[in-house]
Amino acid sequence: MLVEEMQRYYGRRAPLYDASMGYDSGQTVEGLVPVIDLLKSLMQDRRVLEIGCGPCFWTGFVSESATSILATDFNESTLDQSLPYRPRDHNHFLRVYRPSPDFAVR
């Protein structure tokens, strides 16, 4: 039941997530540049496994320097919101994956 409740919650929240975090604001994103630059530096030439990627806001930035990324999230509704942030450069690999419900801990 907890998994279904979580799915419903994120199903309602996913379309509003970026705005609620300010990620749709250039000013907010500009304020995050030091963190973005640090993440890009730390992930330079690395293979990254991101668990709980949500709508992939951070994934998009890290993909600029990582060799590859496997970004995962259990909530399909948040993955649906990830399209604007998925890397477009073919030198990077991103696979967004929603595990089977059987994967859930019971």
N, C-alpha and C. Protein backbone atom coordinates (compact mmCIF):
# COMPACT_ATOMS: atom_id res chain seq x y z
N MET A 1 0.80 -1.20 0.00
CA MET A 1 0.00 0.00 0.00
C MET A 1 0.85 1.27 0.00
N LEU A 2 1.96 1.23 0.69
CA LEU A 2 2.83 2.39 0.74
C LEU A 2 3.34 2.76 -0.65
N VAL A 3 3.66 1.76 -1.46
CA VAL A 3 4.16 2.02 -2.80
C VAL A 3 3.08 2.70 -3.64
N GLU A 4 1.85 2.22 -3.55
CA GLU A 4 0.76 2.82 -4.31
C GLU A 4 0.50 4.26 -3.85
N GLU A 5 0.59 4.49 -2.55
CA GLU A 5 0.40 5.85 -2.01
C GLU A 5 1.50 6.78 -2.54
N MET A 6 2.72 6.28 -2.56
CA MET A 6 3.84 7.07 -3.07
C MET A 6 3.64 7.37 -4.56
N GLN A 7 3.20 6.40 -5.32
CA GLN A 7 2.95 6.60 -6.74
C GLN A 7 1.89 7.68 -6.96
N ARG A 8 0.82 7.65 -6.17
CA ARG A 8 -0.23 8.66 -6.31
C ARG A 8 0.31 10.05 -5.96
N TYR A 9 1.08 10.14 -4.88
CA TYR A 9 1.64 11.42 -4.45
C TYR A 9 2.51 12.02 -5.56
N TYR A 10 3.46 11.23 -6.08
CA TYR A 10 4.34 11.75 -7.12
C TYR A 10 3.61 11.96 -8.44
N GLY A 11 2.55 11.20 -8.67
CA GLY A 11 1.73 11.43 -9.85
C GLY A 11 1.11 12.81 -9.84
N ARG A 12 0.71 13.27 -8.66
CA ARG A 12 0.15 14.63 -8.52
C ARG A 12 1.25 15.69 -8.51
N ARG A 13 2.37 15.38 -7.90
CA ARG A 13 3.43 16.38 -7.70
C ARG A 13 4.36 16.54 -8.90
N ALA A 14 4.56 15.50 -9.67
CA ALA A 14 5.55 15.52 -10.76
C ALA A 14 5.40 16.72 -11.70
N PRO A 15 4.20 17.03 -12.18
CA PRO A 15 4.10 18.16 -13.12
C PRO A 15 4.45 19.51 -12.49
N LEU A 16 4.41 19.60 -11.17
CA LEU A 16 4.68 20.86 -10.48
C LEU A 16 6.07 20.93 -9.87
N TYR A 17 6.81 19.85 -9.97
CA TYR A 17 8.06 19.74 -9.22
C TYR A 17 9.07 20.82 -9.59
N ASP A 18 9.34 21.00 -10.87
CA ASP A 18 10.35 21.98 -11.27
C ASP A 18 9.99 23.38 -10.78
N ALA A 19 8.74 23.77 -10.94
CA ALA A 19 8.33 25.10 -10.48
C ALA A 19 8.44 25.22 -8.96
N SER A 20 8.10 24.16 -8.24
CA SER A 20 8.15 24.22 -6.77
C SER A 20 9.59 24.33 -6.27
N MET A 21 10.56 23.83 -7.05
CA MET A 21 11.97 23.91 -6.68
C MET A 21 12.65 25.14 -7.28
N GLY A 22 11.94 25.83 -8.16
CA GLY A 22 12.51 27.01 -8.82
C GLY A 22 13.36 26.67 -10.03
N TYR A 23 13.32 25.42 -10.47
CA TYR A 23 14.16 24.99 -11.60
C TYR A 23 13.69 25.59 -12.92
N ASP A 24 12.52 26.17 -12.94
CA ASP A 24 12.03 26.83 -14.15
C ASP A 24 12.40 28.31 -14.17
N SER A 25 13.18 28.75 -13.19
CA SER A 25 13.59 30.14 -13.07
C SER A 25 15.08 30.27 -13.39
N GLY A 26 15.40 31.10 -14.36
CA GLY A 26 16.80 31.34 -14.70
C GLY A 26 17.60 31.85 -13.51
N GLN A 27 16.97 32.66 -12.67
CA GLN A 27 17.66 33.21 -11.50
C GLN A 27 18.02 32.09 -10.52
N THR A 28 17.11 31.16 -10.29
CA THR A 28 17.39 30.03 -9.40
C THR A 28 18.52 29.17 -9.96
N VAL A 29 18.41 28.84 -11.23
CA VAL A 29 19.43 28.00 -11.86
C VAL A 29 20.78 28.71 -11.82
N GLU A 30 20.80 30.01 -12.06
CA GLU A 30 22.04 30.78 -11.98
C GLU A 30 22.66 30.68 -10.59
N GLY A 31 21.82 30.70 -9.56
CA GLY A 31 22.31 30.56 -8.19
C GLY A 31 22.88 29.18 -7.90
N LEU A 32 22.48 28.20 -8.69
CA LEU A 32 22.97 26.83 -8.50
C LEU A 32 24.24 26.53 -9.29
N VAL A 33 24.73 27.48 -10.06
CA VAL A 33 25.90 27.26 -10.91
C VAL A 33 27.10 26.73 -10.13
N PRO A 34 27.41 27.23 -8.92
CA PRO A 34 28.55 26.66 -8.19
C PRO A 34 28.36 25.17 -7.87
N VAL A 35 27.16 24.76 -7.54
CA VAL A 35 26.87 23.35 -7.25
C VAL A 35 26.94 22.54 -8.54
N ILE A 36 26.36 23.08 -9.60
CA ILE A 36 26.39 22.41 -10.90
C ILE A 36 27.83 22.19 -11.35
N ASP A 37 28.63 23.24 -11.25
CA ASP A 37 30.04 23.13 -11.66
C ASP A 37 30.80 22.11 -10.82
N LEU A 38 30.52 22.07 -9.52
CA LEU A 38 31.18 21.10 -8.65
C LEU A 38 30.78 19.67 -9.04
N LEU A 39 29.50 19.44 -9.25
CA LEU A 39 29.04 18.11 -9.66
C LEU A 39 29.67 17.69 -10.98
N LYS A 40 29.70 18.60 -11.94
CA LYS A 40 30.30 18.29 -13.23
C LYS A 40 31.78 17.94 -13.07
N SER A 41 32.47 18.66 -12.20
CA SER A 41 33.88 18.40 -11.96
C SER A 41 34.08 17.03 -11.29
N LEU A 42 33.27 16.74 -10.28
CA LEU A 42 33.40 15.47 -9.57
C LEU A 42 33.05 14.26 -10.44
N MET A 43 32.17 14.46 -11.40
CA MET A 43 31.71 13.35 -12.25
C MET A 43 32.44 13.28 -13.58
N GLN A 44 33.43 14.15 -13.78
CA GLN A 44 34.19 14.19 -15.03
C GLN A 44 34.74 12.80 -15.37
N ASP A 45 34.41 12.33 -16.56
CA ASP A 45 34.91 11.05 -17.10
C ASP A 45 34.55 9.83 -16.24
N ARG A 46 33.48 9.91 -15.50
CA ARG A 46 33.04 8.79 -14.67
C ARG A 46 31.78 8.16 -15.24
N ARG A 47 31.58 6.92 -14.87
CA ARG A 47 30.32 6.23 -15.16
C ARG A 47 29.45 6.42 -13.93
N VAL A 48 28.26 6.97 -14.10
CA VAL A 48 27.42 7.39 -12.98
C VAL A 48 26.15 6.53 -12.92
N LEU A 49 25.84 6.06 -11.73
CA LEU A 49 24.56 5.43 -11.44
C LEU A 49 23.80 6.39 -10.54
N GLU A 50 22.70 6.90 -11.04
CA GLU A 50 21.88 7.83 -10.26
C GLU A 50 20.61 7.11 -9.85
N ILE A 51 20.42 6.96 -8.57
CA ILE A 51 19.24 6.28 -8.04
C ILE A 51 18.31 7.35 -7.48
N GLY A 52 17.08 7.35 -7.95
CA GLY A 52 16.12 8.37 -7.53
C GLY A 52 16.33 9.66 -8.31
N CYS A 53 16.44 9.55 -9.63
CA CYS A 53 16.76 10.70 -10.47
C CYS A 53 15.63 11.70 -10.59
N GLY A 54 14.40 11.28 -10.24
CA GLY A 54 13.27 12.20 -10.37
C GLY A 54 13.17 12.70 -11.80
N PRO A 55 12.92 13.99 -11.98
CA PRO A 55 12.76 14.52 -13.34
C PRO A 55 14.08 14.81 -14.06
N CYS A 56 15.20 14.39 -13.51
CA CYS A 56 16.52 14.46 -14.17
C CYS A 56 17.10 15.86 -14.30
N PHE A 57 16.71 16.79 -13.46
CA PHE A 57 17.29 18.13 -13.51
C PHE A 57 18.81 18.07 -13.38
N TRP A 58 19.30 17.38 -12.36
CA TRP A 58 20.74 17.29 -12.13
C TRP A 58 21.41 16.38 -13.14
N THR A 59 20.72 15.35 -13.59
CA THR A 59 21.25 14.40 -14.56
C THR A 59 21.71 15.11 -15.83
N GLY A 60 20.91 16.04 -16.30
CA GLY A 60 21.26 16.77 -17.51
C GLY A 60 22.59 17.48 -17.42
N PHE A 61 22.86 18.10 -16.27
CA PHE A 61 24.12 18.81 -16.08
C PHE A 61 25.30 17.84 -15.96
N VAL A 62 25.11 16.79 -15.16
CA VAL A 62 26.18 15.81 -14.95
C VAL A 62 26.54 15.12 -16.26
N SER A 63 25.56 14.93 -17.13
CA SER A 63 25.80 14.24 -18.40
C SER A 63 26.78 15.00 -19.29
N GLU A 64 26.97 16.29 -19.02
CA GLU A 64 27.90 17.08 -19.82
C GLU A 64 29.35 16.68 -19.56
N SER A 65 29.63 16.04 -18.43
CA SER A 65 31.01 15.66 -18.12
C SER A 65 31.20 14.17 -17.86
N ALA A 66 30.15 13.46 -17.49
CA ALA A 66 30.27 12.02 -17.21
C ALA A 66 30.41 11.25 -18.52
N THR A 67 31.05 10.10 -18.43
CA THR A 67 31.18 9.22 -19.59
C THR A 67 29.83 8.60 -19.93
N SER A 68 29.11 8.16 -18.90
CA SER A 68 27.78 7.57 -19.09
C SER A 68 26.98 7.72 -17.80
N ILE A 69 25.68 7.67 -17.96
CA ILE A 69 24.78 7.76 -16.81
C ILE A 69 23.67 6.72 -16.98
N LEU A 70 23.42 6.00 -15.91
CA LEU A 70 22.23 5.17 -15.82
C LEU A 70 21.41 5.81 -14.72
N ALA A 71 20.35 6.48 -15.10
CA ALA A 71 19.50 7.20 -14.15
C ALA A 71 18.24 6.39 -13.92
N THR A 72 17.91 6.15 -12.66
CA THR A 72 16.75 5.31 -12.33
C THR A 72 15.80 6.03 -11.38
N ASP A 73 14.55 5.70 -11.51
CA ASP A 73 13.54 6.17 -10.56
C ASP A 73 12.38 5.20 -10.60
N PHE A 74 11.77 4.99 -9.47
CA PHE A 74 10.65 4.06 -9.37
C PHE A 74 9.35 4.67 -9.89
N ASN A 75 9.27 6.00 -9.87
CA ASN A 75 8.02 6.68 -10.21
C ASN A 75 7.99 7.09 -11.67
N GLU A 76 7.12 6.45 -12.40
CA GLU A 76 7.00 6.73 -13.83
C GLU A 76 6.58 8.18 -14.07
N SER A 77 5.78 8.73 -13.18
CA SER A 77 5.31 10.11 -13.37
C SER A 77 6.47 11.11 -13.34
N THR A 78 7.48 10.88 -12.51
CA THR A 78 8.62 11.79 -12.50
C THR A 78 9.49 11.56 -13.72
N LEU A 79 9.59 10.32 -14.16
CA LEU A 79 10.37 10.04 -15.37
C LEU A 79 9.75 10.72 -16.59
N ASP A 80 8.43 10.81 -16.62
CA ASP A 80 7.75 11.49 -17.73
C ASP A 80 8.19 12.94 -17.82
N GLN A 81 8.53 13.54 -16.68
CA GLN A 81 8.94 14.94 -16.64
C GLN A 81 10.41 15.13 -17.02
N SER A 82 11.14 14.04 -17.22
CA SER A 82 12.58 14.12 -17.43
C SER A 82 12.99 14.48 -18.86
N LEU A 83 12.09 14.41 -19.79
CA LEU A 83 12.46 14.61 -21.20
C LEU A 83 13.24 15.90 -21.47
N PRO A 84 12.87 17.04 -20.89
CA PRO A 84 13.64 18.26 -21.19
C PRO A 84 15.09 18.22 -20.70
N TYR A 85 15.39 17.37 -19.73
CA TYR A 85 16.73 17.35 -19.14
C TYR A 85 17.61 16.22 -19.66
N ARG A 86 17.06 15.33 -20.41
CA ARG A 86 17.86 14.22 -20.92
C ARG A 86 18.89 14.75 -21.90
N PRO A 87 20.11 14.24 -21.81
CA PRO A 87 21.17 14.75 -22.68
C PRO A 87 20.88 14.48 -24.16
N ARG A 88 21.22 15.45 -24.99
CA ARG A 88 21.00 15.31 -26.42
C ARG A 88 22.28 14.87 -27.15
N ASP A 89 23.40 14.98 -26.49
CA ASP A 89 24.69 14.65 -27.09
C ASP A 89 24.83 13.13 -27.15
N HIS A 90 25.11 12.61 -28.33
CA HIS A 90 25.20 11.16 -28.50
C HIS A 90 26.44 10.56 -27.86
N ASN A 91 27.34 11.39 -27.36
CA ASN A 91 28.52 10.87 -26.67
C ASN A 91 28.18 10.40 -25.25
N HIS A 92 26.99 10.68 -24.82
CA HIS A 92 26.57 10.32 -23.47
C HIS A 92 25.44 9.30 -23.56
N PHE A 93 25.39 8.42 -22.61
CA PHE A 93 24.37 7.40 -22.57
C PHE A 93 23.50 7.62 -21.35
N LEU A 94 22.21 7.70 -21.56
CA LEU A 94 21.27 7.85 -20.46
C LEU A 94 20.13 6.88 -20.69
N ARG A 95 19.89 6.06 -19.73
CA ARG A 95 18.74 5.17 -19.80
C ARG A 95 17.94 5.42 -18.54
N VAL A 96 16.74 5.90 -18.69
CA VAL A 96 15.87 6.14 -17.55
C VAL A 96 14.98 4.92 -17.41
N TYR A 97 14.91 4.40 -16.23
CA TYR A 97 14.32 3.09 -16.00
C TYR A 97 13.42 3.10 -14.78
N ARG A 98 12.27 2.49 -14.92
CA ARG A 98 11.39 2.31 -13.77
C ARG A 98 11.37 0.82 -13.46
N PRO A 99 11.90 0.41 -12.30
CA PRO A 99 11.93 -1.02 -11.99
C PRO A 99 10.52 -1.61 -11.91
N SER A 100 10.47 -2.88 -12.06
CA SER A 100 9.22 -3.62 -11.94
C SER A 100 8.65 -3.44 -10.54
N PRO A 101 7.32 -3.37 -10.40
CA PRO A 101 6.74 -3.31 -9.05
C PRO A 101 7.14 -4.48 -8.18
N ASP A 102 7.52 -5.61 -8.80
CA ASP A 102 7.99 -6.77 -8.03
C ASP A 102 9.31 -6.47 -7.33
N PHE A 103 10.00 -5.42 -7.78
CA PHE A 103 11.27 -5.04 -7.20
C PHE A 103 11.10 -4.40 -5.82
N ALA A 104 9.90 -3.92 -5.54
CA ALA A 104 9.63 -3.21 -4.28
C ALA A 104 9.84 -4.13 -3.07
N VAL A 105 10.38 -3.57 -2.01
CA VAL A 105 10.55 -4.32 -0.77
C VAL A 105 9.19 -4.44 -0.11
N ARG A 106 8.87 -5.62 0.30
CA ARG A 106 7.55 -5.84 0.93
C ARG A 106 7.72 -6.20 2.38
